[in-house]
Amino acid sequence: STACRTPDSPDALGELGMLYFAADSHLAAIPCFQKASDLDQKSLRWCYYMGLSALGIYDSELAKKAFERALQTDPE
């Protein structure tokens, strides 16, 4: 409900994505992580989790893009 009340909050969207991820609903988690990473472009965590979710649905191309974006955000 927090993500619905604050749709421009990367933390709320990311947390919703984490709930989906924890429930093995990787396909549902991806848009949450995508939006969170678009809103918070300095944080690599949402890109990272989007990559993990993409691997969970066997989408290696999306995973590669997500992990590359995470590396661009923070190379270390």
PDB file of N, CA and C in Angstrom:
ATOM      1  N   SER A   1       0.825  -1.202   0.000  1.00  0.00           N
ATOM      2  CA  SER A   1       0.000   0.000   0.000  1.00  0.00           C
ATOM      3  C   SER A   1       0.868   1.265   0.000  1.00  0.00           C
ATOM      4  N   THR A   2       2.063   1.175   0.556  1.00  0.00           N
ATOM      5  CA  THR A   2       2.949   2.336   0.568  1.00  0.00           C
ATOM      6  C   THR A   2       3.351   2.712  -0.850  1.00  0.00           C
ATOM      7  N   ALA A   3       3.624   1.725  -1.684  1.00  0.00           N
ATOM      8  CA  ALA A   3       4.011   2.001  -3.071  1.00  0.00           C
ATOM      9  C   ALA A   3       2.861   2.653  -3.831  1.00  0.00           C
ATOM     10  N   CYS A   4       1.638   2.289  -3.498  1.00  0.00           N
ATOM     11  CA  CYS A   4       0.474   2.910  -4.149  1.00  0.00           C
ATOM     12  C   CYS A   4       0.311   4.358  -3.700  1.00  0.00           C
ATOM     13  N   ARG A   5       0.565   4.613  -2.426  1.00  0.00           N
ATOM     14  CA  ARG A   5       0.423   5.973  -1.898  1.00  0.00           C
ATOM     15  C   ARG A   5       1.544   6.888  -2.358  1.00  0.00           C
ATOM     16  N   THR A   6       2.718   6.316  -2.574  1.00  0.00           N
ATOM     17  CA  THR A   6       3.892   7.108  -2.967  1.00  0.00           C
ATOM     18  C   THR A   6       4.545   6.491  -4.198  1.00  0.00           C
ATOM     19  N   PRO A   7       3.898   6.607  -5.360  1.00  0.00           N
ATOM     20  CA  PRO A   7       4.427   5.952  -6.566  1.00  0.00           C
ATOM     21  C   PRO A   7       5.735   6.535  -7.089  1.00  0.00           C
ATOM     22  N   ASP A   8       6.166   7.660  -6.536  1.00  0.00           N
ATOM     23  CA  ASP A   8       7.433   8.265  -6.950  1.00  0.00           C
ATOM     24  C   ASP A   8       8.536   8.038  -5.928  1.00  0.00           C
ATOM     25  N   SER A   9       8.311   7.086  -5.027  1.00  0.00           N
ATOM     26  CA  SER A   9       9.312   6.769  -4.017  1.00  0.00           C
ATOM     27  C   SER A   9      10.092   5.525  -4.438  1.00  0.00           C
ATOM     28  N   PRO A  10      11.369   5.692  -4.758  1.00  0.00           N
ATOM     29  CA  PRO A  10      12.147   4.521  -5.166  1.00  0.00           C
ATOM     30  C   PRO A  10      12.244   3.473  -4.061  1.00  0.00           C
ATOM     31  N   ASP A  11      12.302   3.922  -2.811  1.00  0.00           N
ATOM     32  CA  ASP A  11      12.391   2.962  -1.708  1.00  0.00           C
ATOM     33  C   ASP A  11      11.112   2.141  -1.585  1.00  0.00           C
ATOM     34  N   ALA A  12       9.958   2.785  -1.709  1.00  0.00           N
ATOM     35  CA  ALA A  12       8.691   2.065  -1.608  1.00  0.00           C
ATOM     36  C   ALA A  12       8.541   1.072  -2.757  1.00  0.00           C
ATOM     37  N   LEU A  13       8.887   1.507  -3.961  1.00  0.00           N
ATOM     38  CA  LEU A  13       8.793   0.610  -5.117  1.00  0.00           C
ATOM     39  C   LEU A  13       9.798  -0.525  -5.020  1.00  0.00           C
ATOM     40  N   GLY A  14      10.988  -0.213  -4.572  1.00  0.00           N
ATOM     41  CA  GLY A  14      12.005  -1.243  -4.397  1.00  0.00           C
ATOM     42  C   GLY A  14      11.613  -2.263  -3.346  1.00  0.00           C
ATOM     43  N   GLU A  15      11.022  -1.792  -2.254  1.00  0.00           N
ATOM     44  CA  GLU A  15      10.567  -2.713  -1.211  1.00  0.00           C
ATOM     45  C   GLU A  15       9.446  -3.612  -1.725  1.00  0.00           C
ATOM     46  N   LEU A  16       8.549  -3.058  -2.541  1.00  0.00           N
ATOM     47  CA  LEU A  16       7.505  -3.873  -3.155  1.00  0.00           C
ATOM     48  C   LEU A  16       8.148  -4.926  -4.059  1.00  0.00           C
ATOM     49  N   GLY A  17       9.132  -4.514  -4.824  1.00  0.00           N
ATOM     50  CA  GLY A  17       9.860  -5.463  -5.652  1.00  0.00           C
ATOM     51  C   GLY A  17      10.517  -6.553  -4.831  1.00  0.00           C
ATOM     52  N   MET A  18      11.069  -6.198  -3.679  1.00  0.00           N
ATOM     53  CA  MET A  18      11.691  -7.183  -2.801  1.00  0.00           C
ATOM     54  C   MET A  18      10.666  -8.193  -2.282  1.00  0.00           C
ATOM     55  N   LEU A  19       9.453  -7.723  -1.990  1.00  0.00           N
ATOM     56  CA  LEU A  19       8.405  -8.652  -1.552  1.00  0.00           C
ATOM     57  C   LEU A  19       8.071  -9.636  -2.666  1.00  0.00           C
ATOM     58  N   TYR A  20       7.931  -9.124  -3.884  1.00  0.00           N
ATOM     59  CA  TYR A  20       7.697 -10.017  -5.019  1.00  0.00           C
ATOM     60  C   TYR A  20       8.858 -10.989  -5.204  1.00  0.00           C
ATOM     61  N   PHE A  21      10.068 -10.452  -5.106  1.00  0.00           N
ATOM     62  CA  PHE A  21      11.266 -11.271  -5.288  1.00  0.00           C
ATOM     63  C   PHE A  21      11.302 -12.393  -4.249  1.00  0.00           C
ATOM     64  N   ALA A  22      11.033 -12.057  -3.003  1.00  0.00           N
ATOM     65  CA  ALA A  22      11.054 -13.046  -1.920  1.00  0.00           C
ATOM     66  C   ALA A  22       9.983 -14.118  -2.118  1.00  0.00           C
ATOM     67  N   ALA A  23       8.895 -13.756  -2.782  1.00  0.00           N
ATOM     68  CA  ALA A  23       7.813 -14.705  -3.043  1.00  0.00           C
ATOM     69  C   ALA A  23       8.016 -15.451  -4.364  1.00  0.00           C
ATOM     70  N   ASP A  24       9.207 -15.344  -4.944  1.00  0.00           N
ATOM     71  CA  ASP A  24       9.539 -15.961  -6.234  1.00  0.00           C
ATOM     72  C   ASP A  24       8.645 -15.483  -7.370  1.00  0.00           C
ATOM     73  N   SER A  25       8.164 -14.254  -7.264  1.00  0.00           N
ATOM     74  CA  SER A  25       7.396 -13.624  -8.339  1.00  0.00           C
ATOM     75  C   SER A  25       8.309 -12.653  -9.069  1.00  0.00           C
ATOM     76  N   HIS A  26       9.328 -13.200  -9.700  1.00  0.00           N
ATOM     77  CA  HIS A  26      10.363 -12.380 -10.327  1.00  0.00           C
ATOM     78  C   HIS A  26       9.810 -11.507 -11.450  1.00  0.00           C
ATOM     79  N   LEU A  27       8.858 -12.024 -12.192  1.00  0.00           N
ATOM     80  CA  LEU A  27       8.281 -11.250 -13.288  1.00  0.00           C
ATOM     81  C   LEU A  27       7.568 -10.004 -12.756  1.00  0.00           C
ATOM     82  N   ALA A  28       6.907 -10.119 -11.618  1.00  0.00           N
ATOM     83  CA  ALA A  28       6.230  -8.973 -11.012  1.00  0.00           C
ATOM     84  C   ALA A  28       7.218  -8.005 -10.370  1.00  0.00           C
ATOM     85  N   ALA A  29       8.358  -8.514  -9.939  1.00  0.00           N
ATOM     86  CA  ALA A  29       9.361  -7.672  -9.274  1.00  0.00           C
ATOM     87  C   ALA A  29      10.077  -6.745 -10.248  1.00  0.00           C
ATOM     88  N   ILE A  30      10.267  -7.198 -11.471  1.00  0.00           N
ATOM     89  CA  ILE A  30      11.079  -6.448 -12.440  1.00  0.00           C
ATOM     90  C   ILE A  30      10.577  -5.024 -12.666  1.00  0.00           C
ATOM     91  N   PRO A  31       9.277  -4.795 -12.934  1.00  0.00           N
ATOM     92  CA  PRO A  31       8.848  -3.399 -13.143  1.00  0.00           C
ATOM     93  C   PRO A  31       9.049  -2.513 -11.911  1.00  0.00           C
ATOM     94  N   CYS A  32       8.926  -3.110 -10.730  1.00  0.00           N
ATOM     95  CA  CYS A  32       9.154  -2.336  -9.503  1.00  0.00           C
ATOM     96  C   CYS A  32      10.609  -1.890  -9.419  1.00  0.00           C
ATOM     97  N   PHE A  33      11.520  -2.825  -9.679  1.00  0.00           N
ATOM     98  CA  PHE A  33      12.943  -2.490  -9.635  1.00  0.00           C
ATOM     99  C   PHE A  33      13.321  -1.525 -10.755  1.00  0.00           C
ATOM    100  N   GLN A  34      12.711  -1.693 -11.915  1.00  0.00           N
ATOM    101  CA  GLN A  34      12.987  -0.790 -13.040  1.00  0.00           C
ATOM    102  C   GLN A  34      12.602   0.644 -12.690  1.00  0.00           C
ATOM    103  N   LYS A  35      11.399   0.808 -12.169  1.00  0.00           N
ATOM    104  CA  LYS A  35      10.908   2.158 -11.817  1.00  0.00           C
ATOM    105  C   LYS A  35      11.755   2.742 -10.683  1.00  0.00           C
ATOM    106  N   ALA A  36      12.085   1.904  -9.687  1.00  0.00           N
ATOM    107  CA  ALA A  36      12.904   2.384  -8.563  1.00  0.00           C
ATOM    108  C   ALA A  36      14.276   2.834  -9.050  1.00  0.00           C
ATOM    109  N   SER A  37      14.869   2.072  -9.969  1.00  0.00           N
ATOM    110  CA  SER A  37      16.191   2.464 -10.471  1.00  0.00           C
ATOM    111  C   SER A  37      16.111   3.696 -11.367  1.00  0.00           C
ATOM    112  N   ASP A  38      15.006   3.873 -12.072  1.00  0.00           N
ATOM    113  CA  ASP A  38      14.829   5.092 -12.869  1.00  0.00           C
ATOM    114  C   ASP A  38      14.698   6.321 -11.965  1.00  0.00           C
ATOM    115  N   LEU A  39      14.029   6.143 -10.829  1.00  0.00           N
ATOM    116  CA  LEU A  39      13.837   7.269  -9.907  1.00  0.00           C
ATOM    117  C   LEU A  39      15.082   7.567  -9.080  1.00  0.00           C
ATOM    118  N   ASP A  40      15.854   6.541  -8.764  1.00  0.00           N
ATOM    119  CA  ASP A  40      17.066   6.706  -7.949  1.00  0.00           C
ATOM    120  C   ASP A  40      18.261   6.193  -8.743  1.00  0.00           C
ATOM    121  N   GLN A  41      18.744   7.007  -9.659  1.00  0.00           N
ATOM    122  CA  GLN A  41      19.786   6.589 -10.587  1.00  0.00           C
ATOM    123  C   GLN A  41      21.171   6.495  -9.953  1.00  0.00           C
ATOM    124  N   LYS A  42      21.300   6.920  -8.714  1.00  0.00           N
ATOM    125  CA  LYS A  42      22.595   6.838  -8.037  1.00  0.00           C
ATOM    126  C   LYS A  42      22.729   5.568  -7.202  1.00  0.00           C
ATOM    127  N   SER A  43      21.645   4.806  -7.101  1.00  0.00           N
ATOM    128  CA  SER A  43      21.673   3.591  -6.302  1.00  0.00           C
ATOM    129  C   SER A  43      21.759   2.375  -7.213  1.00  0.00           C
ATOM    130  N   LEU A  44      22.727   1.514  -6.944  1.00  0.00           N
ATOM    131  CA  LEU A  44      22.883   0.333  -7.781  1.00  0.00           C
ATOM    132  C   LEU A  44      22.013  -0.828  -7.318  1.00  0.00           C
ATOM    133  N   ARG A  45      21.468  -0.777  -6.121  1.00  0.00           N
ATOM    134  CA  ARG A  45      20.769  -1.949  -5.582  1.00  0.00           C
ATOM    135  C   ARG A  45      19.560  -2.353  -6.401  1.00  0.00           C
ATOM    136  N   TRP A  46      18.812  -1.376  -6.925  1.00  0.00           N
ATOM    137  CA  TRP A  46      17.608  -1.746  -7.683  1.00  0.00           C
ATOM    138  C   TRP A  46      17.993  -2.352  -9.022  1.00  0.00           C
ATOM    139  N   CYS A  47      19.082  -1.886  -9.612  1.00  0.00           N
ATOM    140  CA  CYS A  47      19.586  -2.506 -10.847  1.00  0.00           C
ATOM    141  C   CYS A  47      20.035  -3.939 -10.565  1.00  0.00           C
ATOM    142  N   TYR A  48      20.718  -4.118  -9.467  1.00  0.00           N
ATOM    143  CA  TYR A  48      21.216  -5.430  -9.091  1.00  0.00           C
ATOM    144  C   TYR A  48      20.058  -6.409  -8.899  1.00  0.00           C
ATOM    145  N   TYR A  49      19.061  -5.990  -8.142  1.00  0.00           N
ATOM    146  CA  TYR A  49      17.921  -6.878  -7.905  1.00  0.00           C
ATOM    147  C   TYR A  49      17.108  -7.105  -9.175  1.00  0.00           C
ATOM    148  N   MET A  50      17.064  -6.121 -10.047  1.00  0.00           N
ATOM    149  CA  MET A  50      16.397  -6.326 -11.326  1.00  0.00           C
ATOM    150  C   MET A  50      17.148  -7.400 -12.111  1.00  0.00           C
ATOM    151  N   GLY A  51      18.458  -7.375 -12.082  1.00  0.00           N
ATOM    152  CA  GLY A  51      19.251  -8.399 -12.745  1.00  0.00           C
ATOM    153  C   GLY A  51      19.002  -9.782 -12.167  1.00  0.00           C
ATOM    154  N   LEU A  52      18.940  -9.874 -10.855  1.00  0.00           N
ATOM    155  CA  LEU A  52      18.646 -11.159 -10.226  1.00  0.00           C
ATOM    156  C   LEU A  52      17.258 -11.655 -10.604  1.00  0.00           C
ATOM    157  N   SER A  53      16.295 -10.744 -10.646  1.00  0.00           N
ATOM    158  CA  SER A  53      14.934 -11.123 -11.038  1.00  0.00           C
ATOM    159  C   SER A  53      14.898 -11.593 -12.486  1.00  0.00           C
ATOM    160  N   ALA A  54      15.643 -10.914 -13.342  1.00  0.00           N
ATOM    161  CA  ALA A  54      15.704 -11.317 -14.745  1.00  0.00           C
ATOM    162  C   ALA A  54      16.303 -12.714 -14.873  1.00  0.00           C
ATOM    163  N   LEU A  55      17.320 -13.003 -14.083  1.00  0.00           N
ATOM    164  CA  LEU A  55      17.878 -14.357 -14.094  1.00  0.00           C
ATOM    165  C   LEU A  55      16.846 -15.370 -13.621  1.00  0.00           C
ATOM    166  N   GLY A  56      15.993 -14.952 -12.672  1.00  0.00           N
ATOM    167  CA  GLY A  56      14.947 -15.833 -12.158  1.00  0.00           C
ATOM    168  C   GLY A  56      13.918 -16.218 -13.202  1.00  0.00           C
ATOM    169  N   ILE A  57      13.767 -15.385 -14.246  1.00  0.00           N
ATOM    170  CA  ILE A  57      12.830 -15.726 -15.324  1.00  0.00           C
ATOM    171  C   ILE A  57      13.593 -16.127 -16.591  1.00  0.00           C
ATOM    172  N   TYR A  58      14.888 -16.374 -16.435  1.00  0.00           N
ATOM    173  CA  TYR A  58      15.750 -16.831 -17.534  1.00  0.00           C
ATOM    174  C   TYR A  58      15.847 -15.830 -18.684  1.00  0.00           C
ATOM    175  N   ASP A  59      15.826 -14.546 -18.340  1.00  0.00           N
ATOM    176  CA  ASP A  59      16.002 -13.501 -19.350  1.00  0.00           C
ATOM    177  C   ASP A  59      17.431 -12.966 -19.217  1.00  0.00           C
ATOM    178  N   SER A  60      18.367 -13.644 -19.859  1.00  0.00           N
ATOM    179  CA  SER A  60      19.777 -13.284 -19.695  1.00  0.00           C
ATOM    180  C   SER A  60      20.105 -11.917 -20.294  1.00  0.00           C
ATOM    181  N   GLU A  61      19.395 -11.527 -21.342  1.00  0.00           N
ATOM    182  CA  GLU A  61      19.656 -10.219 -21.959  1.00  0.00           C
ATOM    183  C   GLU A  61      19.278  -9.079 -21.006  1.00  0.00           C
ATOM    184  N   LEU A  62      18.108  -9.187 -20.386  1.00  0.00           N
ATOM    185  CA  LEU A  62      17.693  -8.172 -19.414  1.00  0.00           C
ATOM    186  C   LEU A  62      18.626  -8.168 -18.212  1.00  0.00           C
ATOM    187  N   ALA A  63      19.016  -9.348 -17.772  1.00  0.00           N
ATOM    188  CA  ALA A  63      19.944  -9.435 -16.636  1.00  0.00           C
ATOM    189  C   ALA A  63      21.260  -8.744 -16.969  1.00  0.00           C
ATOM    190  N   LYS A  64      21.779  -8.997 -18.161  1.00  0.00           N
ATOM    191  CA  LYS A  64      23.028  -8.371 -18.578  1.00  0.00           C
ATOM    192  C   LYS A  64      22.901  -6.850 -18.575  1.00  0.00           C
ATOM    193  N   LYS A  65      21.809  -6.329 -19.125  1.00  0.00           N
ATOM    194  CA  LYS A  65      21.603  -4.875 -19.153  1.00  0.00           C
ATOM    195  C   LYS A  65      21.502  -4.300 -17.740  1.00  0.00           C
ATOM    196  N   ALA A  66      20.798  -5.004 -16.861  1.00  0.00           N
ATOM    197  CA  ALA A  66      20.636  -4.522 -15.488  1.00  0.00           C
ATOM    198  C   ALA A  66      21.971  -4.496 -14.751  1.00  0.00           C
ATOM    199  N   PHE A  67      22.751  -5.570 -14.901  1.00  0.00           N
ATOM    200  CA  PHE A  67      24.047  -5.620 -14.227  1.00  0.00           C
ATOM    201  C   PHE A  67      25.025  -4.599 -14.813  1.00  0.00           C
ATOM    202  N   GLU A  68      24.971  -4.385 -16.116  1.00  0.00           N
ATOM    203  CA  GLU A  68      25.820  -3.346 -16.734  1.00  0.00           C
ATOM    204  C   GLU A  68      25.443  -1.968 -16.210  1.00  0.00           C
ATOM    205  N   ARG A  69      24.148  -1.727 -16.063  1.00  0.00           N
ATOM    206  CA  ARG A  69      23.701  -0.444 -15.511  1.00  0.00           C
ATOM    207  C   ARG A  69      24.179  -0.281 -14.067  1.00  0.00           C
ATOM    208  N   ALA A  70      24.142  -1.367 -13.314  1.00  0.00           N
ATOM    209  CA  ALA A  70      24.638  -1.311 -11.932  1.00  0.00           C
ATOM    210  C   ALA A  70      26.123  -0.978 -11.915  1.00  0.00           C
ATOM    211  N   LEU A  71      26.896  -1.564 -12.810  1.00  0.00           N
ATOM    212  CA  LEU A  71      28.330  -1.263 -12.888  1.00  0.00           C
ATOM    213  C   LEU A  71      28.599   0.182 -13.271  1.00  0.00           C
ATOM    214  N   GLN A  72      27.767   0.740 -14.153  1.00  0.00           N
ATOM    215  CA  GLN A  72      27.919   2.142 -14.523  1.00  0.00           C
ATOM    216  C   GLN A  72      27.611   3.052 -13.344  1.00  0.00           C
ATOM    217  N   THR A  73      26.693   2.607 -12.500  1.00  0.00           N
ATOM    218  CA  THR A  73      26.319   3.394 -11.323  1.00  0.00           C
ATOM    219  C   THR A  73      27.426   3.410 -10.301  1.00  0.00           C
ATOM    220  N   ASP A  74      28.019   2.219 -10.062  1.00  0.00           N
ATOM    221  CA  ASP A  74      29.098   2.100  -9.078  1.00  0.00           C
ATOM    222  C   ASP A  74      30.039   0.975  -9.523  1.00  0.00           C
ATOM    223  N   PRO A  75      31.144   1.315 -10.165  1.00  0.00           N
ATOM    224  CA  PRO A  75      32.056   0.316 -10.698  1.00  0.00           C
ATOM    225  C   PRO A  75      32.684  -0.603  -9.638  1.00  0.00           C
ATOM    226  N   GLU A  76      32.673  -0.194  -8.402  1.00  0.00           N
ATOM    227  CA  GLU A  76      33.277  -1.007  -7.352  1.00  0.00           C
ATOM    228  C   GLU A  76      32.270  -1.926  -6.745  1.00  0.00           C
TER     229      GLU A  76
END
